[in-house]
Amino acid sequence: MVDKLINFLFRFESLRTAIFAEVDWHNSITRTLNDPESMKVASAFWCEEDGWRGWGIKDNGNYYFHDVAEKHLSDILDIVIKKEIVY
């Protein structure tokens, strides 16, 4: 029964591609969570109407949040990655 369901679902290429992409995404999260080195560092960057903002976490658990809008993504990367601003 399961084989028939899988064969029916995988008959549609777009659905098959979407399912594999979802599985790959979940596997990449699992690999990251299981890797101690990957869990030491995290960061995020986003663009709002007035510019780029971002945050990052250092090995010791301290986080760095930059809420001043920067004109270019490279500017916010330099600030957060170099951790020039500490809160």
Protein backbone atom coordinates (compact mmCIF):
# COMPACT_ATOMS: atom_id res chain seq x y z
CA MET A 1 0.00 0.00 0.00
CA VAL A 2 2.79 2.42 0.91
CA ASP A 3 4.60 1.62 -2.33
CA LYS A 4 1.49 2.48 -4.35
CA LEU A 5 1.14 5.80 -2.53
CA ILE A 6 4.80 6.69 -3.06
CA ASN A 7 4.67 5.73 -6.74
CA PHE A 8 1.53 7.84 -7.18
CA LEU A 9 3.04 10.90 -5.46
CA PHE A 10 6.39 10.67 -7.22
CA ARG A 11 4.73 10.44 -10.61
CA PHE A 12 4.41 14.26 -10.54
CA GLU A 13 7.84 15.77 -11.10
CA SER A 14 7.12 19.12 -9.43
CA LEU A 15 5.77 17.40 -6.32
CA ARG A 16 8.72 14.98 -6.24
CA THR A 17 11.17 17.89 -6.51
CA ALA A 18 9.39 19.77 -3.71
CA ILE A 19 9.40 16.72 -1.43
CA PHE A 20 13.12 16.11 -1.98
CA ALA A 21 13.89 19.81 -1.38
CA GLU A 22 11.96 19.69 1.90
CA VAL A 23 13.75 16.53 3.02
CA ASP A 24 17.12 18.06 2.11
CA TRP A 25 16.27 21.21 4.11
CA HIS A 26 15.36 19.14 7.19
CA ASN A 27 18.54 17.08 6.80
CA SER A 28 20.67 20.23 6.63
CA ILE A 29 19.10 21.49 9.86
CA THR A 30 19.81 18.14 11.52
CA ARG A 31 23.43 18.21 10.32
CA THR A 32 23.86 21.74 11.70
CA LEU A 33 22.30 20.87 15.07
CA ASN A 34 24.54 17.78 15.39
CA ASP A 35 27.75 19.67 14.53
CA PRO A 36 29.22 21.32 17.66
CA GLU A 37 31.23 23.81 15.59
CA SER A 38 28.16 24.98 13.69
CA MET A 39 26.23 25.51 16.91
CA LYS A 40 28.85 27.96 18.25
CA VAL A 41 28.12 30.68 15.72
CA ALA A 42 24.88 32.15 14.41
CA SER A 43 23.98 35.37 12.65
CA ALA A 44 21.17 36.97 10.71
CA PHE A 45 20.93 40.00 8.45
CA TRP A 46 17.89 41.71 6.97
CA CYS A 47 17.04 44.80 4.97
CA GLU A 48 14.34 47.23 6.03
CA GLU A 49 13.20 50.39 4.29
CA ASP A 50 15.99 52.51 5.76
CA GLY A 51 18.87 50.01 5.55
CA TRP A 52 20.48 46.76 6.72
CA ARG A 53 20.43 45.45 10.28
CA GLY A 54 21.83 42.28 11.84
CA TRP A 55 22.84 40.23 14.85
CA GLY A 56 25.37 37.56 15.70
CA ILE A 57 26.24 35.19 18.56
CA LYS A 58 29.78 34.58 19.77
CA ASP A 59 31.20 31.31 21.17
CA ASN A 60 30.68 32.42 24.77
CA GLY A 61 26.95 33.01 24.23
CA ASN A 62 27.12 36.81 24.05
CA TYR A 63 25.14 38.30 21.22
CA TYR A 64 25.77 41.40 19.16
CA PHE A 65 22.79 43.29 17.78
CA HIS A 66 23.18 46.23 15.42
CA ASP A 67 19.94 48.19 15.10
CA VAL A 68 21.38 51.24 13.32
CA ALA A 69 20.48 51.06 9.64
CA GLU A 70 23.52 50.58 7.40
CA LYS A 71 23.40 51.54 3.74
CA HIS A 72 25.13 48.43 2.38
CA LEU A 73 25.12 44.76 3.39
CA SER A 74 28.92 44.75 3.48
CA ASP A 75 28.87 47.48 6.16
CA ILE A 76 26.65 45.48 8.50
CA LEU A 77 28.68 42.31 7.85
CA ASP A 78 31.88 44.08 8.88
CA ILE A 79 30.30 45.41 12.06
CA VAL A 80 28.54 42.27 13.25
CA ILE A 81 31.17 39.72 12.23
CA LYS A 82 34.03 41.76 13.68
CA LYS A 83 31.77 42.30 16.72
CA GLU A 84 32.63 45.97 17.04
CA ILE A 85 29.32 46.70 18.75
CA VAL A 86 28.45 44.85 21.97
CA TYR A 87 25.12 44.97 23.79
